[in-house]
């Protein structure tokens, strides 16, 4: 399954690392692609979208499914 999120408050490399790490912990083995310019996070190989979204929120960001 591929899940995409818009994360408007993601603004820098630190944000990218924090979100990537949070998703990796919530969905081991998933592949995370981040486009900082468009504020888009795409997660491939995760089977629980709600769990990934919750992990991004717990990292301090406000994702919206794209």
Protein backbone atom coordinates (compact mmCIF):
# COMPACT_ATOMS: atom_id res chain seq x y z
CA UNK A 1 0.00 0.00 0.00
CA UNK A 2 1.21 3.53 -0.76
CA UNK A 3 0.06 6.39 1.44
CA UNK A 4 0.67 10.08 0.75
CA UNK A 5 0.47 12.94 3.23
CA UNK A 6 0.72 16.70 2.93
CA UNK A 7 2.74 18.02 5.88
CA UNK A 8 2.65 21.83 5.59
CA UNK A 9 4.69 22.44 8.75
CA UNK A 10 7.64 20.37 7.43
CA UNK A 11 10.24 23.00 6.56
CA UNK A 12 13.79 21.67 6.91
CA UNK A 13 16.14 18.71 6.97
CA UNK A 14 15.48 18.16 10.67
CA UNK A 15 11.78 17.77 9.89
CA UNK A 16 12.57 15.25 7.17
CA UNK A 17 14.74 13.18 9.53
CA UNK A 18 12.18 13.31 12.35
CA UNK A 19 9.32 12.20 10.10
CA UNK A 20 11.39 9.50 8.39
CA UNK A 21 12.45 8.09 11.75
CA UNK A 22 8.91 8.20 13.15
CA UNK A 23 7.53 6.34 10.13
CA UNK A 24 10.35 3.78 10.26
CA UNK A 25 9.50 3.01 13.88
CA UNK A 26 5.76 2.74 13.16
CA UNK A 27 6.12 0.73 9.96
CA UNK A 28 9.41 -1.18 9.86
CA UNK A 29 10.40 -2.01 6.31
CA UNK A 30 8.30 0.75 4.75
CA UNK A 31 9.98 3.08 2.25
CA UNK A 32 9.61 6.80 2.96
CA UNK A 33 10.00 9.45 0.26
CA UNK A 34 9.94 13.10 1.29
CA UNK A 35 9.62 16.08 -1.04
CA UNK A 36 10.42 19.04 1.17
CA UNK A 37 9.56 21.61 -1.50
CA UNK A 38 5.99 20.32 -1.95
CA UNK A 39 5.65 19.27 1.73
CA UNK A 40 4.68 15.76 0.62
CA UNK A 41 5.54 12.50 2.38
CA UNK A 42 4.91 9.23 0.56
CA UNK A 43 5.11 5.91 2.38
CA UNK A 44 5.23 2.64 0.44
CA UNK A 45 4.92 -0.76 2.04
CA UNK A 46 3.01 0.29 5.16
CA UNK A 47 -0.17 -1.62 5.88
CA UNK A 48 -1.73 0.69 8.47
CA UNK A 49 -2.24 4.28 7.30
CA UNK A 50 -3.67 5.35 10.66
CA UNK A 51 -0.58 4.10 12.47
CA UNK A 52 1.74 6.01 10.11
CA UNK A 53 -0.34 9.17 10.43
CA UNK A 54 -0.30 8.87 14.23
CA UNK A 55 3.49 8.47 14.20
CA UNK A 56 3.92 11.66 12.15
CA UNK A 57 1.60 13.50 14.57
CA UNK A 58 3.54 12.14 17.56
CA UNK A 59 6.70 13.55 15.98
CA UNK A 60 5.09 17.00 16.18
CA UNK A 61 3.68 17.50 12.69
CA UNK A 62 0.17 17.86 11.25
CA UNK A 63 -0.21 15.46 8.31
CA UNK A 64 -3.24 15.42 6.04
CA UNK A 65 -3.81 12.52 3.69
CA UNK A 66 -3.18 13.61 0.15
